[in-house]
Protein backbone atom coordinates (compact mmCIF):
# COMPACT_ATOMS: atom_id res chain seq x y z
CA MET A 1 -40.40 33.93 -12.01
CA LYS A 2 -37.04 35.98 -11.28
CA ARG A 3 -36.16 33.41 -8.65
CA MET A 4 -36.32 30.52 -11.01
CA LEU A 5 -34.34 32.39 -13.27
CA LEU A 6 -31.79 33.44 -10.71
CA VAL A 7 -31.43 29.51 -9.75
CA GLY A 8 -30.99 28.67 -13.56
CA LEU A 9 -28.31 30.91 -14.08
CA VAL A 10 -26.58 29.99 -10.84
CA ALA A 11 -26.76 26.24 -11.95
CA VAL A 12 -25.43 27.16 -15.45
CA LEU A 13 -22.41 28.90 -14.16
CA LEU A 14 -21.69 26.21 -11.56
CA ALA A 15 -22.01 23.41 -14.63
CA GLY A 16 -19.48 25.26 -16.39
CA CYS A 17 -16.66 24.77 -13.19
CA GLY A 18 -14.53 21.66 -12.73
CA ASP A 19 -14.85 18.41 -14.52
CA PRO A 20 -17.45 17.87 -16.97
CA ARG A 21 -20.72 16.06 -15.85
CA LEU A 22 -23.17 14.23 -17.00
CA ASP A 23 -26.68 15.33 -17.84
CA ALA A 24 -29.08 12.75 -18.22
CA THR A 25 -32.00 14.85 -18.56
CA THR A 26 -32.79 13.65 -21.80
CA GLU A 27 -31.23 10.91 -23.97
CA ALA A 28 -29.57 13.44 -26.35
CA THR A 29 -27.95 15.33 -23.43
CA LEU A 30 -26.91 12.09 -21.75
CA GLN A 31 -25.18 10.82 -25.06
CA GLU A 32 -23.68 14.54 -25.52
CA SER A 33 -22.12 14.64 -22.07
CA THR A 34 -21.15 11.50 -22.04
CA LYS A 35 -18.83 12.41 -25.05
CA LYS A 36 -17.90 15.49 -23.37
CA VAL A 37 -16.75 13.62 -20.00
CA ALA A 38 -14.77 10.93 -22.09
CA GLU A 39 -12.99 13.49 -24.22
CA LYS A 40 -11.46 14.97 -20.65
CA LEU A 41 -9.98 11.32 -20.08
CA SER A 42 -6.76 9.12 -21.07
CA PRO A 43 -7.47 6.22 -23.11
CA GLU A 44 -7.26 3.89 -20.07
CA GLU A 45 -9.77 6.32 -18.32
CA LYS A 46 -12.04 5.91 -20.94
CA LYS A 47 -12.03 2.18 -20.72
CA GLN A 48 -12.55 2.46 -16.82
CA PHE A 49 -15.43 4.86 -17.52
CA ALA A 50 -17.00 2.91 -20.09
CA ALA A 51 -17.01 -0.18 -17.63
CA ASP A 52 -18.15 1.98 -15.10
CA LEU A 53 -21.13 3.14 -16.93
CA MET A 54 -22.08 -0.20 -18.01
CA LEU A 55 -21.76 -1.73 -14.29
CA ILE A 56 -24.19 1.22 -12.98
CA THR A 57 -26.90 0.42 -15.55
CA LEU A 58 -26.70 -2.98 -15.46
CA SER A 59 -27.04 -2.83 -11.64
CA LYS A 60 -30.19 -1.03 -11.92
CA ILE A 61 -32.11 -3.69 -14.18
CA ASP A 62 -34.77 -5.54 -12.24
CA LEU A 63 -36.96 -7.10 -15.17
CA VAL A 64 -39.36 -8.76 -12.62
CA ASN A 65 -40.15 -5.94 -9.96
CA LYS A 66 -39.41 -2.60 -12.06
CA SER A 67 -41.08 -1.41 -15.36
CA ALA A 68 -38.43 -0.28 -17.99
CA ASP A 69 -39.73 3.58 -17.01
CA VAL A 70 -38.95 3.02 -13.65
CA MET A 71 -35.75 1.16 -14.52
CA GLN A 72 -34.58 4.27 -16.53
CA GLN A 73 -35.27 6.71 -14.14
CA GLU A 74 -33.23 5.19 -11.56
CA ILE A 75 -30.57 4.63 -14.17
CA ASP A 76 -30.52 8.58 -15.14
CA SER A 77 -31.12 9.99 -11.56
CA SER A 78 -27.88 7.77 -10.60
CA MET A 79 -25.74 9.15 -13.21
CA ASN A 80 -27.07 12.70 -13.63
CA GLY A 81 -24.98 15.41 -12.48
CA LYS A 82 -21.79 13.17 -11.90
CA THR A 83 -18.35 13.49 -13.21
CA ALA A 84 -16.18 10.29 -14.27
CA ALA A 85 -14.50 10.16 -10.73
CA GLU A 86 -17.84 10.49 -8.96
CA LEU A 87 -19.36 7.72 -11.42
CA HIS A 88 -15.92 5.57 -10.66
CA ALA A 89 -16.59 5.66 -6.80
CA LEU A 90 -20.23 4.60 -7.26
CA ALA A 91 -19.10 1.60 -9.56
CA ASN A 92 -16.80 0.59 -7.02
CA ASN A 93 -19.44 0.71 -4.32
CA ILE A 94 -21.55 -1.56 -6.13
CA ARG A 95 -18.41 -3.88 -6.90
CA VAL A 96 -17.91 -3.80 -3.06
CA GLU A 97 -21.47 -4.68 -2.44
CA ARG A 98 -21.71 -7.58 -4.90
CA GLU A 99 -18.42 -9.04 -3.29
CA LYS A 100 -19.99 -9.17 0.13
CA LYS A 101 -23.21 -10.57 -1.49
CA GLN A 102 -20.88 -13.32 -3.21
CA LYS A 103 -19.06 -14.02 0.09
CA GLU A 104 -22.21 -14.72 2.04
């Protein structure tokens, strides 16, 4: 029990360091943390952040092979704990992969 408390305390302390991160543990925490991340961005970065979130979300949608719950879990896990810069890098990777597929 003490170990779990210690791990939780360390996680809280680390979460306070650096750029704000998304918390996708619940829909409410995701919305709140999205606002906090966006607050630290310039207007241009906010537009890019919104586009990156949309791209990442849409990239996880597969209506034929996955249930809504599975898709939501994949979306949440791909965003959870990431900063705006990390999400941008993830979105860029998705863009590159899509370009590769289009060229094939």
